Protein backbone atom coordinates (compact mmCIF):
# COMPACT_ATOMS: atom_id res chain seq x y z
CA MET A 1 139.36 -65.16 122.93
CA SER A 2 140.95 -65.07 126.36
CA TRP A 3 141.63 -62.25 128.76
CA GLN A 4 145.29 -62.26 127.65
CA ASP A 5 144.11 -61.05 124.23
CA GLU A 6 142.82 -57.88 125.90
CA LEU A 7 146.24 -56.88 127.28
CA PRO A 8 147.65 -54.98 124.28
CA ALA A 9 144.72 -52.56 124.42
CA LEU A 10 145.38 -52.00 128.13
CA ALA A 11 149.12 -51.32 127.77
CA GLU A 12 148.93 -47.86 129.37
CA LEU A 13 147.31 -49.21 132.54
CA SER A 14 149.11 -50.52 135.58
CA ASP A 15 148.78 -54.22 136.36
CA THR A 16 146.16 -53.47 139.02
CA GLU A 17 144.17 -51.16 136.72
CA ALA A 18 144.32 -53.70 133.89
CA ALA A 19 143.08 -56.46 136.21
CA ASP A 20 140.19 -54.24 137.33
CA ALA A 21 139.34 -53.36 133.71
CA ILE A 22 139.30 -56.99 132.60
CA ASN A 23 137.27 -58.05 135.64
CA ALA A 24 134.66 -55.42 134.73
CA MET A 25 134.30 -56.50 131.08
CA THR A 26 130.91 -57.81 130.09
CA GLU A 27 129.42 -59.17 126.90
CA THR A 28 125.92 -59.50 125.56
CA VAL A 29 124.89 -63.10 125.00
CA LEU A 30 121.82 -64.33 123.12
CA MET A 31 119.34 -66.50 124.98
CA PRO A 32 117.73 -68.82 122.43
CA GLY A 33 114.35 -70.09 123.54
CA THR A 34 113.15 -66.70 124.80
CA MET A 35 109.63 -66.69 123.41
CA VAL A 36 107.46 -63.57 123.19
CA ASN A 37 103.88 -63.20 122.00
CA SER A 38 101.02 -60.74 122.18
CA ARG A 39 100.50 -61.44 125.90
CA THR A 40 104.12 -60.94 126.91
CA ILE A 41 105.02 -57.93 124.75
CA PRO A 42 103.40 -55.25 126.98
CA ALA A 43 105.46 -56.43 129.95
CA LEU A 44 108.70 -55.72 128.04
CA PHE A 45 108.02 -51.99 127.95
CA ALA A 46 108.35 -49.46 130.79
CA ASN A 47 104.85 -48.33 129.83
CA PRO A 48 102.74 -51.41 129.00
CA LEU A 49 100.57 -49.25 126.74
CA ASP A 50 103.58 -48.85 124.44
CA GLY A 51 103.73 -52.63 124.21
CA GLU A 52 100.04 -52.76 123.36
CA ARG A 53 100.61 -50.15 120.64
CA LEU A 54 103.28 -52.41 119.17
CA ASN A 55 100.84 -55.34 119.34
CA ARG A 56 98.40 -53.30 117.26
CA LYS A 57 101.09 -52.53 114.68
CA LEU A 58 101.98 -56.22 114.48
CA ASP A 59 98.28 -57.11 114.16
CA ALA A 60 97.96 -54.66 111.28
CA LEU A 61 101.05 -56.10 109.61
CA ALA A 62 99.71 -59.64 110.03
CA ALA A 63 96.39 -58.61 108.45
CA ARG A 64 98.07 -57.40 105.26
CA GLU A 65 97.95 -59.28 102.02
CA ALA A 66 101.35 -60.72 101.15
CA PRO A 67 102.68 -58.84 98.14
CA ALA A 68 103.38 -60.63 94.89
CA GLY A 69 106.88 -60.55 93.50
CA ASP A 70 110.26 -61.81 94.52
CA ASP A 71 112.07 -58.52 95.14
CA ASP A 72 113.67 -58.18 98.57
CA LEU A 73 110.93 -55.95 100.00
CA SER A 74 108.10 -58.23 98.86
CA VAL A 75 109.83 -61.27 100.34
CA LEU A 76 110.51 -59.38 103.57
CA VAL A 77 106.90 -58.25 103.92
CA GLY A 78 105.64 -61.78 103.22
CA LEU A 79 107.99 -63.25 105.81
CA ALA A 80 107.02 -60.58 108.34
CA ILE A 81 103.32 -61.30 107.78
CA ARG A 82 103.78 -65.04 108.33
CA THR A 83 105.95 -64.41 111.39
CA CYS A 84 103.50 -61.91 112.89
CA LYS A 85 100.59 -64.31 112.44
CA HIS A 86 102.56 -66.93 114.36
CA TRP A 87 103.80 -64.38 116.89
CA MET A 88 100.40 -63.05 117.78
CA ALA A 89 99.00 -66.45 118.74
CA PRO A 90 99.99 -67.16 122.36
CA GLU A 91 98.84 -70.77 121.95
CA GLN A 92 101.59 -71.13 119.33
CA GLY A 93 104.17 -69.96 121.86
CA GLY A 94 105.21 -66.83 119.98
CA ILE A 95 108.60 -66.30 118.40
CA ASP A 96 112.11 -66.80 119.73
CA VAL A 97 113.73 -63.35 120.11
CA GLY A 98 117.01 -65.03 121.07
CA HIS A 99 117.29 -66.68 117.64
CA ALA A 100 119.67 -64.95 115.21
CA GLY A 101 117.32 -65.34 112.22
CA VAL A 102 114.38 -63.83 114.08
CA ARG A 103 116.58 -60.95 115.23
CA ALA A 104 117.61 -60.27 111.63
CA LEU A 105 113.94 -60.09 110.65
CA LEU A 106 113.17 -57.78 113.57
CA ASP A 107 115.92 -55.43 112.39
CA ARG A 108 114.13 -55.10 109.04
CA LEU A 109 110.61 -54.41 110.39
CA PRO A 110 111.08 -50.61 110.58
CA ASN A 111 111.92 -50.66 106.84
CA ILE A 112 108.51 -52.05 105.84
CA PRO A 113 106.46 -49.19 104.39
CA ASP A 114 103.58 -48.07 106.59
CA SER A 115 104.40 -50.58 109.35
CA GLY A 116 104.87 -47.80 111.89
CA ILE A 117 107.29 -50.05 113.79
CA THR A 118 110.22 -48.08 115.20
CA GLU A 119 113.82 -49.06 115.81
CA ALA A 120 113.28 -48.40 119.53
CA GLU A 121 110.43 -50.92 119.62
CA VAL A 122 112.61 -53.47 117.84
CA ALA A 123 115.42 -52.83 120.32
CA THR A 124 113.02 -53.51 123.21
CA LEU A 125 111.92 -56.80 121.65
CA LYS A 126 115.50 -57.87 120.96
CA ALA A 127 116.59 -57.01 124.51
CA ALA A 128 114.23 -59.70 125.80
CA GLY A 129 116.43 -62.29 124.06
CA GLU A 130 119.71 -61.05 125.50
CA THR A 131 121.54 -61.17 128.76
CA VAL A 132 124.70 -59.45 129.90
CA GLN A 133 127.30 -61.55 131.62
CA ILE A 134 130.83 -61.19 132.87
CA LYS A 135 133.11 -61.76 129.90
CA TYR A 136 135.89 -63.47 131.85
CA PRO A 137 134.55 -65.19 134.98
CA GLY A 138 136.91 -65.37 137.90
CA ARG A 139 138.79 -62.63 139.64
CA LEU A 140 142.10 -61.65 138.06
CA ARG A 141 144.85 -60.25 140.25
CA ALA A 142 147.62 -57.80 139.37
CA TRP A 143 150.28 -60.52 139.60
CA GLN A 144 148.46 -62.55 136.91
CA ILE A 145 148.50 -59.52 134.61
CA ALA A 146 152.21 -58.92 135.28
CA ASP A 147 152.99 -62.59 134.61
CA ALA A 148 151.00 -62.62 131.37
CA ARG A 149 152.58 -59.38 130.18
CA GLN A 150 156.02 -60.85 130.81
CA HIS A 151 155.21 -63.95 128.75
CA ILE A 152 153.65 -62.15 125.79
CA GLY A 153 155.88 -59.11 125.87
CA ALA A 154 153.02 -56.61 126.26
């Protein structure tokens, strides 16, 4: 996608306003390789004690017996237990919160019965694996918008 694709949605704006709007656009980008573990989790929270509370919830999840069965919930709990055991060991490096598969698992943690893990805690963990960057680097000028609009008929 290029900045020209944004023009139809900005049709009501002047060329200068459209340039300013496009220059201000940002996007969230995943950062694979962002590892977190029991030592780094407290630092992710405004109150480090909240991070330690999450560590305790993850410890409790890791201490559970993996349920038998192949229904979705049993498989999810088993995967979460294995992941938490790996996560909690700093010598193992932790888990990569910038990895799409790990993020999908994190999204499901609040659904595990009696885990006590909240969506807000998951959002904090996931934020560690993201960065916000300018969507279209470079500084667009009004004349570039006018020229592009003329060529695409927007």
